[in-house]
Structure formats: C-alpha cells, structure tokens
Amino acid sequence: MLELQFDDLVAAPPVVLVVEDDPGLRTLLMRTLRENGFHVLSAGSGPEMLRCLEGAHVDMILLDVMLPGANGFDLCRAVRQTSAVPIIIVSARGDEADRLVGLELGADDYVPKPFSAKELIARIRATLRRTRGQVGPAARPTRAQIAFAGWIVDPAARELVSPEGVSVELSGAEFDLLLALLSHPQRVIGRERLLELSRARLADASDRSIDVLVSRLRRKLSGAGDGNAIIRTVRGVGYMLAHPVKRV
C-alpha cells in the first residue's frame, strides 16, 4: 500500500478526457477531477473527442452517450478499433439494456446519472489501477508468465499472446477477468465471486455485466481456437477456465 501511495505521488497526474455536450455539467466534472488531482481535457462532441485523442496523451475517457452527431456508443466502438484506453460511460440512460450495450462495445465501466462525485472518482481510480497493472492479490497468480491452451499471459506487462505469437489487446476489465480465471484454473467460479476477484465493479452483482465481459473475452480467445472450450459455462453456477495453467 505504501508503494502505491508513493507511486501516486511521483507519477504524472492521469489525463482524463471529459466528453460531455452539456457545458454546465462538463465544467462541473472538470472542476471535480482537477480538485482530485487529475489533469483534464474536454470535448463537447465526437469530432472534438477524436481530435483530442489524436493530439494528446489520454489515460481515461469519460464519455456521455447523448452527444450531437455520433453518440457515445458509436464513439466507444470507434475508439476500441484502435485503442485500449479506458472508457467509462457516464449517461442518463442507466437501464440494464444500455449498460450491457456499453459494456459489449468495450467500455470498462458504466456510471448512470445522477451520480455522486465520490463514486465517480472511486470508479476512475479503480479503472486506472487496473489498466496500469495494479491488480489485487486475489487476481494476481504470479509475476512470471503463465501458459494455458497455447496462450501466454504476462501479468506484469498485462499482455496476452496467442498460440501464433500475436499480441491480443484486452481492455482493463477483460484482462482482470482473465487473471481471475487463471488464479483458479479448472474450478467453477460463481459470477459474484468473479466480480470480487476481477474487481469488475461495473454495476450491481445481480446484473449481467460479468456475462458480457466473459463473452468479450471468449471472442478474443476464439481467434486461435474455440473460446467457449477455454472458458466453460456451468449453467446456474458460473464459469471455469477449462485448461491447466503452468508457469513458463
């Protein structure tokens, strides 16, 4: 814990891009983030967001859904085609269907409006910890490389390499889920327990957020085989990494 606090002090402040078309809310979000130690960029539309991403380093995107022109879902999809930058969708559209769409498109978290400033800051920091390689003890089986079904995982570098030697890009939430499964190979893990292990606090444990994450991870693992054979569903219970794991 002391090491993490020291790193937080000496590291450059994270850069958060706020994409929100409401000027008042955008100003409020920017002020809140600055008061909590973040460097903030802002955009009021999709084209402005894309220009910011082209011209500056960004550690996190706070993305509204209801934007002029391309909506937040379209923008999330576009960003995910070229980048794994963490995305938290912040939207008044907070029903389960919209949350699942956002997660399916690659968002790392989904915060419905209205929200508390404290919760939003906590979610931003949790997502940044994941994407900067600071995973919890339960989700970190080892700092050595890990092999399963021909795949290689480097937890320290947060890298997944296919049996063909190709690096596969995962979002922070997807990588944490994979580490959670690797930490309990060939054992069934319930959905709520997976939420705890992977720290995928995307919504209440009663919703289908973990199912969406599993589906996304399976698709990426299926690039060199059958993702369903690697991560098996145990109906009514949870999921299991079906292959043995070894250090390499």
Protein backbone atom coordinates (compact mmCIF):
# COMPACT_ATOMS: atom_id res chain seq x y z
CA MET A 1 0.00 0.00 0.00
CA LEU A 2 2.82 2.42 0.82
CA GLU A 3 4.47 1.71 -2.52
CA LEU A 4 1.23 2.52 -4.36
CA GLN A 5 0.87 5.78 -2.48
CA PHE A 6 4.47 6.71 -3.29
CA ASP A 7 3.94 5.91 -6.96
CA ASP A 8 0.84 8.08 -6.97
CA LEU A 9 2.87 10.98 -5.61
CA VAL A 10 5.79 10.81 -8.04
CA ALA A 11 3.84 9.90 -11.18
CA ALA A 12 2.46 12.49 -13.55
CA PRO A 13 -1.23 13.14 -12.90
CA PRO A 14 -3.51 10.97 -15.05
CA VAL A 15 -5.07 12.72 -18.02
CA VAL A 16 -8.87 12.37 -18.21
CA LEU A 17 -10.78 13.42 -21.32
CA VAL A 18 -14.33 14.54 -20.45
CA VAL A 19 -16.71 14.16 -23.41
CA GLU A 20 -19.97 15.91 -22.49
CA ASP A 21 -22.13 18.28 -24.56
CA ASP A 22 -23.79 19.97 -21.55
CA PRO A 23 -21.47 22.94 -20.77
CA GLY A 24 -22.57 23.19 -17.14
CA LEU A 25 -22.06 19.50 -16.39
CA ARG A 26 -18.79 19.46 -18.34
CA THR A 27 -17.47 22.34 -16.23
CA LEU A 28 -18.58 20.62 -13.02
CA LEU A 29 -16.89 17.35 -14.00
CA MET A 30 -13.68 19.15 -14.94
CA ARG A 31 -13.58 21.02 -11.64
CA THR A 32 -14.25 17.84 -9.64
CA LEU A 33 -11.50 15.96 -11.45
CA ARG A 34 -8.96 18.77 -11.01
CA GLU A 35 -9.76 19.01 -7.31
CA ASN A 36 -8.94 15.30 -7.06
CA GLY A 37 -5.55 15.55 -8.74
CA PHE A 38 -6.33 14.78 -12.39
CA HIS A 39 -5.26 16.67 -15.49
CA VAL A 40 -8.39 17.30 -17.55
CA LEU A 41 -9.14 17.74 -21.25
CA SER A 42 -12.65 18.29 -22.56
CA ALA A 43 -14.73 17.86 -25.68
CA GLY A 44 -18.36 18.63 -26.47
CA SER A 45 -18.79 16.32 -29.46
CA GLY A 46 -17.39 13.26 -31.19
CA PRO A 47 -15.17 15.18 -33.65
CA GLU A 48 -13.69 17.21 -30.78
CA MET A 49 -13.02 13.99 -28.85
CA LEU A 50 -11.23 12.38 -31.80
CA ARG A 51 -9.08 15.49 -32.30
CA CYS A 52 -8.07 15.37 -28.63
CA LEU A 53 -7.12 11.70 -28.91
CA GLU A 54 -5.00 12.43 -31.98
CA GLY A 55 -3.18 15.37 -30.43
CA ALA A 56 -2.67 14.42 -26.77
CA HIS A 57 -1.93 11.52 -24.46
CA VAL A 58 -5.10 10.42 -22.64
CA ASP A 59 -5.26 7.93 -19.73
CA MET A 60 -9.05 7.78 -19.43
CA ILE A 61 -12.18 8.86 -21.30
CA LEU A 62 -15.39 9.87 -19.51
CA LEU A 63 -17.93 9.50 -22.30
CA ASP A 64 -21.53 10.70 -22.40
CA VAL A 65 -23.96 8.78 -24.61
CA MET A 66 -26.30 11.57 -25.75
CA LEU A 67 -24.00 13.67 -27.94
CA PRO A 68 -24.67 15.67 -31.11
CA GLY A 69 -23.92 13.63 -34.23
CA ALA A 70 -22.29 10.31 -33.38
CA ASN A 71 -23.49 9.09 -29.97
CA GLY A 72 -21.30 7.73 -27.21
CA PHE A 73 -21.90 4.10 -28.19
CA ASP A 74 -20.68 4.79 -31.74
CA LEU A 75 -17.64 6.63 -30.41
CA CYS A 76 -16.83 3.81 -27.97
CA ARG A 77 -16.94 1.32 -30.83
CA ALA A 78 -14.68 3.53 -32.96
CA VAL A 79 -12.10 4.01 -30.21
CA ARG A 80 -11.97 0.29 -29.47
CA GLN A 81 -10.94 -0.46 -33.06
CA THR A 82 -7.58 1.20 -32.47
CA SER A 83 -7.06 1.76 -28.74
CA ALA A 84 -7.43 0.13 -25.32
CA VAL A 85 -7.64 3.48 -23.49
CA PRO A 86 -10.01 3.00 -20.53
CA ILE A 87 -13.54 4.27 -21.17
CA ILE A 88 -16.18 4.98 -18.53
CA ILE A 89 -19.58 5.77 -19.99
CA VAL A 90 -21.49 8.38 -17.96
CA SER A 91 -25.10 8.60 -19.10
CA ALA A 92 -28.66 9.38 -18.11
CA ARG A 93 -29.57 6.19 -19.97
CA GLY A 94 -29.00 3.93 -16.99
CA ASP A 95 -31.25 0.92 -17.64
CA GLU A 96 -29.73 -2.55 -17.90
CA ALA A 97 -30.06 -2.76 -21.69
CA ASP A 98 -27.99 0.40 -22.21
CA ARG A 99 -25.37 -0.71 -19.66
CA LEU A 100 -24.98 -4.02 -21.44
CA VAL A 101 -24.66 -2.33 -24.83
CA GLY A 102 -21.91 -0.09 -23.47
CA LEU A 103 -20.00 -3.00 -21.96
CA GLU A 104 -20.43 -5.09 -25.09
CA LEU A 105 -18.89 -2.28 -27.15
CA GLY A 106 -15.81 -2.27 -24.93
CA ALA A 107 -16.46 0.23 -22.13
CA ASP A 108 -14.64 -0.56 -18.87
CA ASP A 109 -17.42 0.81 -16.67
CA TYR A 110 -20.85 2.44 -16.93
CA VAL A 111 -22.00 5.07 -14.44
CA PRO A 112 -25.66 6.17 -14.68
CA LYS A 113 -26.65 9.77 -14.00
CA PRO A 114 -27.23 11.16 -11.48
CA PHE A 115 -24.11 10.02 -9.63
CA SER A 116 -22.09 11.18 -6.64
CA ALA A 117 -18.73 12.81 -7.23
CA LYS A 118 -17.12 10.45 -4.71
CA GLU A 119 -18.37 7.34 -6.51
CA LEU A 120 -17.24 8.63 -9.90
CA ILE A 121 -13.73 9.42 -8.61
CA ALA A 122 -13.53 5.99 -6.95
CA ARG A 123 -14.51 4.26 -10.19
CA ILE A 124 -11.99 6.28 -12.20
CA ARG A 125 -9.19 5.42 -9.79
CA ALA A 126 -10.14 1.74 -9.70
CA THR A 127 -10.13 1.53 -13.50
CA LEU A 128 -6.78 3.33 -13.73
CA ARG A 129 -5.27 0.94 -11.17
CA ARG A 130 -6.36 -2.00 -13.30
CA THR A 131 -5.09 -0.59 -16.56
CA ARG A 132 -1.77 0.44 -15.01
CA GLY A 133 -1.09 -3.13 -13.93
CA GLN A 134 -2.01 -2.80 -10.25
CA VAL A 135 -4.29 -5.76 -9.74
CA GLY A 136 -5.41 -7.10 -6.39
CA PRO A 137 -3.67 -10.06 -4.73
CA ALA A 138 -6.50 -12.48 -5.45
CA ALA A 139 -6.34 -11.69 -9.15
CA ARG A 140 -2.57 -11.92 -9.44
CA PRO A 141 -1.47 -15.58 -9.60
CA THR A 142 2.19 -14.79 -10.25
CA ARG A 143 4.52 -12.23 -11.80
CA ALA A 144 6.01 -14.95 -14.01
CA GLN A 145 4.50 -15.65 -17.41
CA ILE A 146 1.55 -18.04 -17.43
CA ALA A 147 0.68 -20.58 -20.13
CA PHE A 148 -2.69 -22.19 -20.86
CA ALA A 149 -4.03 -23.87 -24.02
CA GLY A 150 -1.11 -22.50 -26.05
CA TRP A 151 -1.69 -18.92 -24.85
CA ILE A 152 0.87 -16.92 -22.86
CA VAL A 153 -0.05 -14.26 -20.29
CA ASP A 154 2.43 -11.79 -18.80
CA PRO A 155 0.70 -10.33 -15.71
CA ALA A 156 3.37 -7.68 -15.10
CA ALA A 157 3.21 -6.37 -18.67
CA ARG A 158 -0.54 -7.09 -18.85
CA GLU A 159 -0.07 -8.81 -22.18
CA LEU A 160 -1.86 -11.77 -23.78
CA VAL A 161 -0.10 -13.61 -26.64
CA SER A 162 -1.90 -16.11 -28.88
CA PRO A 163 -0.53 -19.57 -29.80
CA GLU A 164 0.57 -17.98 -33.09
CA GLY A 165 2.67 -15.41 -31.23
CA VAL A 166 0.32 -12.48 -31.84
CA SER A 167 -0.32 -9.98 -29.04
CA VAL A 168 -4.07 -9.69 -28.36
CA GLU A 169 -5.34 -6.38 -27.00
CA LEU A 170 -7.60 -6.62 -23.95
CA SER A 171 -9.39 -3.88 -22.05
CA GLY A 172 -8.50 -3.47 -18.37
CA ALA A 173 -11.68 -5.24 -17.25
CA GLU A 174 -11.11 -8.12 -19.70
CA PHE A 175 -7.54 -8.63 -18.51
CA ASP A 176 -8.58 -8.62 -14.85
CA LEU A 177 -11.25 -11.21 -15.59
CA LEU A 178 -8.69 -13.42 -17.33
CA LEU A 179 -6.33 -13.14 -14.34
CA ALA A 180 -9.17 -14.07 -12.01
CA LEU A 181 -9.92 -17.21 -14.05
CA LEU A 182 -6.20 -18.08 -14.23
CA SER A 183 -5.92 -17.84 -10.46
CA HIS A 184 -8.48 -20.68 -10.11
CA PRO A 185 -7.92 -22.95 -13.14
CA GLN A 186 -10.29 -25.87 -13.76
CA ARG A 187 -12.53 -24.73 -10.91
CA VAL A 188 -16.02 -23.30 -11.25
CA ILE A 189 -16.24 -19.69 -10.06
CA GLY A 190 -19.60 -18.08 -9.38
CA ARG A 191 -20.50 -14.80 -11.05
CA GLU A 192 -20.46 -12.78 -7.82
CA ARG A 193 -17.11 -14.28 -6.85
CA LEU A 194 -15.71 -13.40 -10.29
CA LEU A 195 -16.84 -9.82 -9.73
CA GLU A 196 -14.89 -9.79 -6.45
CA LEU A 197 -11.76 -11.43 -7.85
CA SER A 198 -11.57 -9.37 -11.01
CA ARG A 199 -12.73 -6.17 -9.31
CA ALA A 200 -15.02 -5.66 -12.29
CA ARG A 201 -17.32 -3.34 -10.36
CA LEU A 202 -19.26 -2.36 -13.45
CA ALA A 203 -22.70 -2.47 -11.88
CA ASP A 204 -24.60 -4.40 -9.23
CA ALA A 205 -23.54 -8.04 -8.96
CA SER A 206 -27.11 -9.02 -9.81
CA ASP A 207 -26.88 -7.80 -13.40
CA ARG A 208 -25.22 -9.44 -16.41
CA SER A 209 -22.04 -7.37 -16.53
CA ILE A 210 -19.78 -10.36 -15.88
CA ASP A 211 -21.56 -12.33 -18.62
CA VAL A 212 -20.81 -9.55 -21.09
CA LEU A 213 -17.14 -9.50 -20.06
CA VAL A 214 -16.89 -13.28 -20.45
CA SER A 215 -18.46 -13.03 -23.90
CA ARG A 216 -15.95 -10.36 -24.96
CA LEU A 217 -13.01 -12.36 -23.62
CA ARG A 218 -14.23 -15.54 -25.32
CA ARG A 219 -14.40 -13.79 -28.69
CA LYS A 220 -10.78 -12.70 -28.36
CA LEU A 221 -9.65 -16.16 -27.26
CA SER A 222 -11.53 -17.71 -30.17
CA GLY A 223 -9.12 -16.03 -32.60
CA ALA A 224 -6.86 -19.06 -32.21
CA GLY A 225 -9.39 -21.73 -31.32
CA ASP A 226 -12.69 -22.15 -29.51
CA GLY A 227 -13.15 -19.56 -26.80
CA ASN A 228 -16.13 -21.50 -25.43
CA ALA A 229 -13.87 -24.53 -24.91
CA ILE A 230 -11.36 -22.41 -22.98
CA ILE A 231 -13.92 -20.69 -20.74
CA ARG A 232 -16.80 -23.02 -20.00
CA THR A 233 -20.21 -22.02 -18.69
CA VAL A 234 -21.59 -24.03 -15.82
CA ARG A 235 -25.27 -23.24 -16.08
CA GLY A 236 -26.75 -21.68 -12.98
CA VAL A 237 -23.34 -21.51 -11.24
CA GLY A 238 -20.68 -19.54 -13.10
CA TYR A 239 -17.64 -20.02 -15.29
CA MET A 240 -14.48 -22.12 -15.40
CA LEU A 241 -11.13 -21.92 -17.16
CA ALA A 242 -11.15 -25.44 -18.57
CA HIS A 243 -7.41 -25.87 -19.14
CA PRO A 244 -4.50 -26.42 -16.77
CA VAL A 245 -2.20 -23.47 -16.09
CA LYS A 246 1.58 -23.51 -15.70
CA ARG A 247 4.39 -21.02 -15.21
CA VAL A 248 6.84 -20.57 -18.07
